[in-house]
């Protein structure tokens, strides 16, 4: 039986009404430290305020689809990709400008800009805003259609929750770790528009007053509802959209509800979401390219090539050795030196510290991680009949014992 897409405008309208009613229940994520709360008080991101500002835009866009279906008819299978690629092309111009600024600032150089260039960048920004809702709709449609083809659903004959996203820049994330070990102690959402000097100032104040390792990092997405997705390449944007929908889906399952129980379950959630997102993205791109063959596996780096994955993994291993020996200052000096090396090789890593590894380490497919979860889940996926079968195997996990039984 054909699945009914819950991305239909009328379904969205009903869900919007529920969300607006419940938005006052969205919890904040304050730190227990009054010092930290004081430092970040003007920089904190309010999920409630964001929902109240953004949901009406989506509401009226969906309402227009419902009232004027012929003027807002769904695009053909080819059109969504064209719409997304057009948005990415414009966004790339802004990213290029921002990367030049970030690189110069990290290196301690003056960023040379001019009024004419700023005018061009503003033009690109205005163009992005004009195309935002139609691009979001295109992403929602193509991911919904793919989920439908994979037959993944909570309720019979319905895709739930509907794929609903915002491609506004996600908030940034303040990450805290102890200095004497790599451990994700706390994460707090901050505004997305804080500058690099502001980030250094906040981090430095927290580190000096609280003796913590602190990092303010950009993130690729956030599983709010609508989910927030950072637009990058086509494959990355498709993957992130599917990744965040996976989290929205899993909140109705034991695995998603166990996300914050411990680091292992968080890693399982995030790594499974990466596997899901990457497979969805690859499926869409294979169809677009009329190529259903498997993508070639990346070959190991050969010297004298600089291999980011191997170098980052080596960095993590060495840092942990120093910390295990109780040599915090040596570990931190080593990370400072390695950060400069990565920057010289063209990898814009603003700051490399315990908080960096604590956050990136929860993604087991990252070179910053020491977890075996990625290999275990990849094996489980390969042993599953389909992506839907893989999800059914993991969605009811709620503790580490169940996970160990599953992967044996």
Protein backbone atom coordinates (compact mmCIF):
# COMPACT_ATOMS: atom_id res chain seq x y z
CA UNK A 1 0.00 0.00 0.00
CA UNK A 2 1.30 3.45 -0.86
CA UNK A 3 2.46 5.56 2.07
CA UNK A 4 0.72 8.90 2.48
CA UNK A 5 3.24 11.69 2.86
CA UNK A 6 2.70 13.61 6.08
CA UNK A 7 4.41 16.55 4.39
CA UNK A 8 1.03 17.52 2.94
CA UNK A 9 0.14 21.15 3.81
CA UNK A 10 -2.99 20.27 5.82
CA UNK A 11 -1.01 17.83 7.97
CA UNK A 12 1.62 20.51 8.56
CA UNK A 13 -1.01 23.05 9.58
CA UNK A 14 -2.41 20.75 12.24
CA UNK A 15 1.07 20.01 13.56
CA UNK A 16 1.98 23.70 13.60
CA UNK A 17 -1.01 24.44 15.80
CA UNK A 18 0.08 21.76 18.27
CA UNK A 19 3.65 23.03 18.25
CA UNK A 20 2.65 26.63 18.88
CA UNK A 21 0.50 25.51 21.80
CA UNK A 22 3.31 23.41 23.27
CA UNK A 23 6.21 25.76 22.51
CA UNK A 24 6.05 27.23 25.98
CA UNK A 25 7.08 23.83 27.33
CA UNK A 26 10.47 23.84 25.57
CA UNK A 27 13.08 23.58 28.32
CA UNK A 28 16.15 25.77 28.54
CA UNK A 29 19.54 24.22 29.19
CA UNK A 30 21.15 26.37 31.89
CA UNK A 31 24.49 25.66 33.48
CA UNK A 32 24.55 24.98 37.22
CA UNK A 33 27.41 27.44 37.46
CA UNK A 34 26.24 30.99 38.13
CA UNK A 35 29.59 32.23 36.83
CA UNK A 36 29.07 30.59 33.43
CA UNK A 37 25.46 31.76 33.24
CA UNK A 38 26.62 35.30 33.94
CA UNK A 39 29.33 35.16 31.26
CA UNK A 40 26.97 33.94 28.52
CA UNK A 41 23.77 35.69 29.64
CA UNK A 42 23.58 37.97 26.57
CA UNK A 43 24.69 35.28 24.11
CA UNK A 44 22.29 32.44 24.94
CA UNK A 45 20.04 31.11 22.21
CA UNK A 46 16.35 30.90 23.11
CA UNK A 47 14.62 27.93 21.50
CA UNK A 48 11.22 29.27 22.55
CA UNK A 49 11.83 32.67 20.94
CA UNK A 50 13.18 31.02 17.79
CA UNK A 51 10.10 28.78 17.50
CA UNK A 52 7.74 31.73 17.96
CA UNK A 53 9.59 33.80 15.34
CA UNK A 54 10.11 31.08 12.77
CA UNK A 55 7.03 28.84 12.91
CA UNK A 56 4.64 31.54 11.63
CA UNK A 57 6.72 31.82 8.42
CA UNK A 58 6.41 28.09 7.81
CA UNK A 59 2.77 28.19 8.82
CA UNK A 60 1.80 30.84 6.27
CA UNK A 61 3.90 29.25 3.54
CA UNK A 62 2.10 25.93 4.09
CA UNK A 63 -1.22 27.77 4.31
CA UNK A 64 -0.57 29.32 0.90
CA UNK A 65 0.14 25.83 -0.48
CA UNK A 66 -3.17 24.65 0.92
CA UNK A 67 -5.26 27.63 -0.24
CA UNK A 68 -3.54 28.12 -3.61
CA UNK A 69 -2.50 24.59 -4.60
CA UNK A 70 -2.22 25.46 -8.31
CA UNK A 71 0.03 28.46 -7.74
CA UNK A 72 2.22 26.50 -5.28
CA UNK A 73 2.09 23.11 -6.95
CA UNK A 74 4.75 20.59 -6.04
CA UNK A 75 7.81 20.61 -8.24
CA UNK A 76 8.89 17.77 -10.48
CA UNK A 77 11.45 15.18 -9.38
CA UNK A 78 14.24 17.10 -11.09
CA UNK A 79 13.29 20.54 -9.81
CA UNK A 80 14.01 20.09 -6.08
CA UNK A 81 17.69 19.38 -6.76
CA UNK A 82 17.95 22.38 -9.07
CA UNK A 83 16.38 24.62 -6.42
CA UNK A 84 18.73 23.31 -3.72
CA UNK A 85 21.80 23.60 -5.94
CA UNK A 86 20.91 27.18 -6.83
CA UNK A 87 20.69 28.04 -3.12
CA UNK A 88 24.02 26.30 -2.44
CA UNK A 89 25.69 28.22 -5.29
CA UNK A 90 24.67 31.55 -3.71
CA UNK A 91 25.53 30.34 -0.22
CA UNK A 92 29.02 29.28 -1.36
CA UNK A 93 29.87 32.89 -2.16
CA UNK A 94 29.05 33.93 1.42
CA UNK A 95 30.92 30.93 2.86
CA UNK A 96 34.01 31.79 0.82
CA UNK A 97 33.97 35.33 2.21
CA UNK A 98 33.39 34.08 5.79
CA UNK A 99 36.18 31.49 5.51
CA UNK A 100 38.62 34.17 4.37
CA UNK A 101 37.64 36.26 7.39
CA UNK A 102 37.89 33.34 9.82
CA UNK A 103 41.27 32.19 8.49
CA UNK A 104 42.73 35.69 8.70
CA UNK A 105 41.38 36.22 12.23
CA UNK A 106 42.74 32.90 13.54
CA UNK A 107 46.13 33.67 12.01
CA UNK A 108 46.06 37.06 13.72
CA UNK A 109 46.02 38.99 10.45
CA UNK A 110 43.86 41.94 9.46
CA UNK A 111 40.97 40.96 7.23
CA UNK A 112 40.97 43.29 4.25
CA UNK A 113 37.47 44.08 3.09
CA UNK A 114 35.83 46.98 1.33
CA UNK A 115 32.44 48.57 0.96
CA UNK A 116 31.98 47.24 -2.57
CA UNK A 117 32.64 43.66 -1.49
CA UNK A 118 30.31 44.02 1.50
CA UNK A 119 27.59 45.26 -0.86
CA UNK A 120 27.98 42.15 -3.01
CA UNK A 121 27.83 39.88 0.06
CA UNK A 122 24.67 41.63 1.25
CA UNK A 123 23.15 41.06 -2.17
CA UNK A 124 23.86 37.34 -1.82
CA UNK A 125 22.34 37.33 1.68
CA UNK A 126 19.17 39.04 0.40
CA UNK A 127 18.97 36.49 -2.42
CA UNK A 128 19.26 33.62 0.08
CA UNK A 129 16.42 35.04 2.16
CA UNK A 130 14.22 35.28 -0.92
CA UNK A 131 14.87 31.62 -1.79
CA UNK A 132 14.85 30.20 1.74
CA UNK A 133 11.29 28.88 2.02
CA UNK A 134 11.17 27.34 -1.47
CA UNK A 135 14.55 25.66 -0.84
CA UNK A 136 13.35 24.31 2.50
CA UNK A 137 10.27 22.97 0.74
CA UNK A 138 12.44 21.30 -1.92
CA UNK A 139 14.63 19.63 0.72
CA UNK A 140 11.59 18.50 2.72
CA UNK A 141 10.00 17.05 -0.40
CA UNK A 142 13.00 15.11 -1.69
CA UNK A 143 13.86 13.65 1.74
CA UNK A 144 10.18 12.78 2.36
CA UNK A 145 9.94 10.99 -0.98
CA UNK A 146 13.07 8.99 -0.20
CA UNK A 147 11.88 8.01 3.29
CA UNK A 148 8.64 6.91 1.63
CA UNK A 149 10.57 4.73 -0.81
CA UNK A 150 12.49 3.15 2.09
CA UNK A 151 9.16 2.46 3.86
CA UNK A 152 10.22 3.99 7.19
CA UNK A 153 7.33 5.13 9.35
CA UNK A 154 5.92 5.15 12.86
CA UNK A 155 2.24 4.96 11.89
CA UNK A 156 0.91 2.78 9.06
CA UNK A 157 0.72 4.51 5.67
CA UNK A 158 2.05 7.83 7.01
CA UNK A 159 5.46 9.47 7.20
CA UNK A 160 5.69 10.75 10.74
CA UNK A 161 6.99 13.09 11.91
CA UNK A 162 6.79 15.18 8.72
CA UNK A 163 10.15 16.32 7.38
CA UNK A 164 10.24 19.97 8.45
CA UNK A 165 13.40 22.08 8.41
CA UNK A 166 14.85 25.56 8.65
CA UNK A 167 18.00 26.40 6.69
CA UNK A 168 18.77 29.45 8.78
CA UNK A 169 22.23 29.23 10.40
CA UNK A 170 21.96 26.89 13.42
CA UNK A 171 22.89 28.27 16.84
CA UNK A 172 26.47 27.84 17.97
CA UNK A 173 27.31 25.49 20.81
CA UNK A 174 29.30 26.12 23.98
CA UNK A 175 31.03 22.85 24.89
CA UNK A 176 32.55 22.24 28.31
CA UNK A 177 34.95 19.47 29.35
CA UNK A 178 37.17 18.92 32.38
CA UNK A 179 40.80 19.77 31.67
CA UNK A 180 42.15 16.52 33.12
CA UNK A 181 40.09 14.22 30.87
CA UNK A 182 38.14 14.25 27.63
CA UNK A 183 34.51 14.19 28.72
CA UNK A 184 31.43 15.98 27.42
CA UNK A 185 30.33 17.68 30.61
CA UNK A 186 27.92 20.31 29.31
CA UNK A 187 26.63 21.86 26.09
CA UNK A 188 24.75 25.17 25.93
CA UNK A 189 23.18 26.73 22.84
CA UNK A 190 24.41 30.23 22.00
CA UNK A 191 23.43 32.69 19.28
CA UNK A 192 24.76 31.90 15.81
CA UNK A 193 26.12 35.39 15.10
CA UNK A 194 28.75 35.66 17.82
CA UNK A 195 32.06 36.81 16.32
CA UNK A 196 35.38 35.00 16.59
CA UNK A 197 36.79 37.60 19.05
CA UNK A 198 33.63 37.17 21.16
CA UNK A 199 34.13 33.41 21.18
CA UNK A 200 37.73 33.70 22.33
CA UNK A 201 36.68 36.12 25.08
CA UNK A 202 33.89 33.87 26.43
CA UNK A 203 36.06 30.74 26.27
CA UNK A 204 39.00 32.46 27.95
CA UNK A 205 36.84 33.84 30.77
CA UNK A 206 35.26 30.45 31.48
CA UNK A 207 38.63 28.69 31.37
CA UNK A 208 40.25 31.13 33.78
CA UNK A 209 37.36 31.36 36.26
CA UNK A 210 36.03 27.79 36.13
CA UNK A 211 39.17 25.81 35.21
CA UNK A 212 37.29 24.10 32.37
CA UNK A 213 38.15 23.39 28.78
CA UNK A 214 35.70 25.50 26.75
CA UNK A 215 34.93 25.72 23.06
CA UNK A 216 32.26 27.57 21.08
CA UNK A 217 31.66 25.65 17.88
CA UNK A 218 29.41 25.90 14.84
CA UNK A 219 27.19 22.86 14.31
CA UNK A 220 25.81 21.26 11.17
CA UNK A 221 22.25 20.96 12.40
CA UNK A 222 19.94 20.80 15.39
CA UNK A 223 16.97 18.46 15.86
CA UNK A 224 14.50 21.09 16.95
CA UNK A 225 11.17 21.07 15.15
CA UNK A 226 11.50 22.35 12.50
CA UNK A 227 15.02 20.92 12.47
CA UNK A 228 17.79 23.41 11.75
CA UNK A 229 20.12 22.48 8.89
CA UNK A 230 23.35 24.19 7.87
CA UNK A 231 23.63 24.40 4.08
CA UNK A 232 26.97 23.25 2.69
CA UNK A 233 27.54 20.93 -0.28
CA UNK A 234 24.57 19.14 -1.87
CA UNK A 235 25.53 15.76 -0.36
CA UNK A 236 26.17 17.27 3.08
CA UNK A 237 22.89 19.23 3.06
CA UNK A 238 20.86 16.17 2.06
CA UNK A 239 22.66 14.05 4.66
CA UNK A 240 22.18 16.58 7.45
CA UNK A 241 18.48 17.01 6.64
CA UNK A 242 17.99 13.23 6.87
CA UNK A 243 20.22 13.06 9.98
CA UNK A 244 18.07 15.59 11.84
CA UNK A 245 14.84 13.89 10.74
CA UNK A 246 16.27 10.65 12.16
CA UNK A 247 16.53 12.36 15.56
CA UNK A 248 12.98 13.72 15.23
CA UNK A 249 11.79 10.19 14.43
CA UNK A 250 13.76 8.56 17.23
CA UNK A 251 12.30 10.83 19.93
CA UNK A 252 9.22 8.61 19.64
CA UNK A 253 11.37 5.51 20.21
CA UNK A 254 13.35 4.25 23.24
CA UNK A 255 16.70 4.90 21.53
CA UNK A 256 16.00 8.60 21.00
CA UNK A 257 14.50 9.07 24.44
CA UNK A 258 17.66 7.53 25.95
CA UNK A 259 19.93 10.03 24.17
CA UNK A 260 21.04 11.84 27.34
CA UNK A 261 21.28 8.76 29.57
CA UNK A 262 25.03 8.37 29.01
CA UNK A 263 27.81 9.03 26.50
CA UNK A 264 27.54 5.58 24.90
CA UNK A 265 23.85 5.97 24.03
CA UNK A 266 24.48 9.48 22.74
CA UNK A 267 27.22 8.10 20.49
CA UNK A 268 24.92 5.33 19.24
CA UNK A 269 22.22 7.91 18.43
CA UNK A 270 24.56 10.28 16.60
CA UNK A 271 26.46 7.59 14.72
CA UNK A 272 23.27 5.84 13.60
CA UNK A 273 21.92 9.22 12.45
CA UNK A 274 25.11 9.74 10.40
CA UNK A 275 24.80 6.29 8.81
CA UNK A 276 21.12 6.96 8.02
CA UNK A 277 21.76 10.46 6.65
CA UNK A 278 24.67 9.36 4.48
CA UNK A 279 22.72 6.46 2.99
CA UNK A 280 19.71 8.64 2.19
CA UNK A 281 21.94 11.28 0.57
CA UNK A 282 23.87 8.71 -1.47
CA UNK A 283 20.61 7.12 -2.67
CA UNK A 284 19.30 10.48 -3.90
CA UNK A 285 22.57 11.40 -5.60
CA UNK A 286 22.87 7.98 -7.25
CA UNK A 287 19.43 8.43 -8.79
CA UNK A 288 20.34 11.94 -9.95
CA UNK A 289 23.52 10.66 -11.55
CA UNK A 290 21.87 7.48 -12.89
CA UNK A 291 24.56 5.57 -11.05
CA UNK A 292 23.55 2.86 -8.63
CA UNK A 293 27.05 1.49 -8.17
CA UNK A 294 28.72 1.80 -4.81
CA UNK A 295 30.88 4.86 -4.24
CA UNK A 296 34.60 4.02 -4.26
CA UNK A 297 36.09 3.64 -0.82
CA UNK A 298 38.55 6.38 0.05
CA UNK A 299 42.12 5.09 -0.05
CA UNK A 300 44.45 5.54 2.90
CA UNK A 301 46.67 8.60 2.68
CA UNK A 302 50.19 7.98 1.47
CA UNK A 303 53.11 10.08 2.61
CA UNK A 304 54.02 12.80 1.88
CA UNK A 305 50.30 13.57 1.65
CA UNK A 306 48.76 15.09 4.77
CA UNK A 307 45.94 12.79 5.90
CA UNK A 308 43.52 14.67 8.14
CA UNK A 309 41.88 11.55 9.55
CA UNK A 310 45.11 9.82 10.52
CA UNK A 311 46.65 13.01 11.91
CA UNK A 312 43.59 13.87 13.99
CA UNK A 313 43.33 10.32 15.32
CA UNK A 314 46.98 10.42 16.30
CA UNK A 315 46.40 13.76 18.03
CA UNK A 316 43.53 12.36 20.08
CA UNK A 317 45.57 9.31 21.10
CA UNK A 318 48.57 11.38 22.18
CA UNK A 319 46.44 13.85 24.13
CA UNK A 320 44.80 11.02 26.06
CA UNK A 321 48.21 9.55 26.88
CA UNK A 322 49.39 12.87 28.33
CA UNK A 323 46.16 13.33 30.32
CA UNK A 324 46.35 9.76 31.67
CA UNK A 325 49.84 10.65 32.94
CA UNK A 326 48.37 13.72 34.66
CA UNK A 327 50.34 16.06 32.39
CA UNK A 328 47.62 18.58 31.49
CA UNK A 329 49.95 21.42 30.48
CA UNK A 330 51.88 19.15 28.09
CA UNK A 331 48.63 17.92 26.52
CA UNK A 332 47.38 21.48 26.03
CA UNK A 333 50.65 22.71 24.55
CA UNK A 334 50.65 19.71 22.19
CA UNK A 335 47.10 20.55 21.05
CA UNK A 336 48.07 24.17 20.40
CA UNK A 337 50.94 23.01 18.19
CA UNK A 338 48.75 20.53 16.33
CA UNK A 339 46.07 23.17 15.73
CA UNK A 340 48.68 25.33 14.00
CA UNK A 341 49.74 22.34 11.89
CA UNK A 342 46.15 21.66 10.76
CA UNK A 343 45.68 25.36 9.97
CA UNK A 344 48.87 25.43 7.88
CA UNK A 345 47.55 22.43 5.94
CA UNK A 346 44.34 24.32 5.12
CA UNK A 347 42.01 22.87 7.78
CA UNK A 348 40.30 25.75 9.57
CA UNK A 349 40.22 24.53 13.16
CA UNK A 350 39.99 27.60 15.35
CA UNK A 351 40.77 25.85 18.61
CA UNK A 352 41.85 22.34 19.52
CA UNK A 353 41.33 21.32 23.14
CA UNK A 354 39.68 18.77 25.42
CA UNK A 355 36.23 20.23 24.67
CA UNK A 356 36.83 19.81 20.91
CA UNK A 357 37.52 16.11 21.30
CA UNK A 358 34.71 15.65 23.84
CA UNK A 359 32.15 16.99 21.35
CA UNK A 360 33.44 15.53 18.08
CA UNK A 361 34.15 12.23 19.81
CA UNK A 362 30.44 11.47 20.19
CA UNK A 363 30.35 10.86 16.42
CA UNK A 364 32.04 7.47 16.21
CA UNK A 365 32.76 7.88 12.49
CA UNK A 366 34.83 10.98 13.23
CA UNK A 367 38.65 10.75 13.37
CA UNK A 368 38.35 12.61 16.70
CA UNK A 369 36.61 9.58 18.24
CA UNK A 370 38.06 6.46 19.87
CA UNK A 371 34.70 4.67 19.90
CA UNK A 372 34.08 1.37 18.09
CA UNK A 373 30.37 2.13 17.62
CA UNK A 374 30.72 3.13 13.96
CA UNK A 375 32.30 -0.18 12.97
CA UNK A 376 29.70 -2.09 15.01
CA UNK A 377 26.71 -0.25 13.55
CA UNK A 378 28.13 -0.43 10.02
CA UNK A 379 28.44 -4.20 10.37
CA UNK A 380 24.87 -4.36 11.71
CA UNK A 381 23.63 -2.24 8.78
CA UNK A 382 25.39 -4.51 6.29
CA UNK A 383 23.76 -7.55 7.91
CA UNK A 384 20.30 -5.95 7.71
CA UNK A 385 17.96 -6.55 4.79
CA UNK A 386 17.31 -2.84 4.32
CA UNK A 387 17.69 0.55 5.95
CA UNK A 388 14.21 0.14 7.46
CA UNK A 389 15.25 -3.22 8.89
CA UNK A 390 18.38 -1.64 10.41
CA UNK A 391 16.29 1.06 12.09
CA UNK A 392 13.87 -1.49 13.51
CA UNK A 393 16.81 -3.37 15.06
CA UNK A 394 18.15 -0.33 16.89
CA UNK A 395 15.13 1.86 17.64
CA UNK A 396 14.11 -0.02 20.80
CA UNK A 397 17.54 0.11 22.44
CA UNK A 398 17.50 1.93 25.77
CA UNK A 399 20.63 0.70 27.56
CA UNK A 400 24.14 -0.57 26.87
CA UNK A 401 23.30 -4.21 27.74
CA UNK A 402 20.69 -4.37 24.98
CA UNK A 403 23.18 -2.83 22.57
CA UNK A 404 25.88 -5.40 23.42
CA UNK A 405 23.40 -8.24 22.86
CA UNK A 406 22.41 -6.76 19.50
CA UNK A 407 25.92 -6.44 18.08
CA UNK A 408 27.11 -9.91 19.20
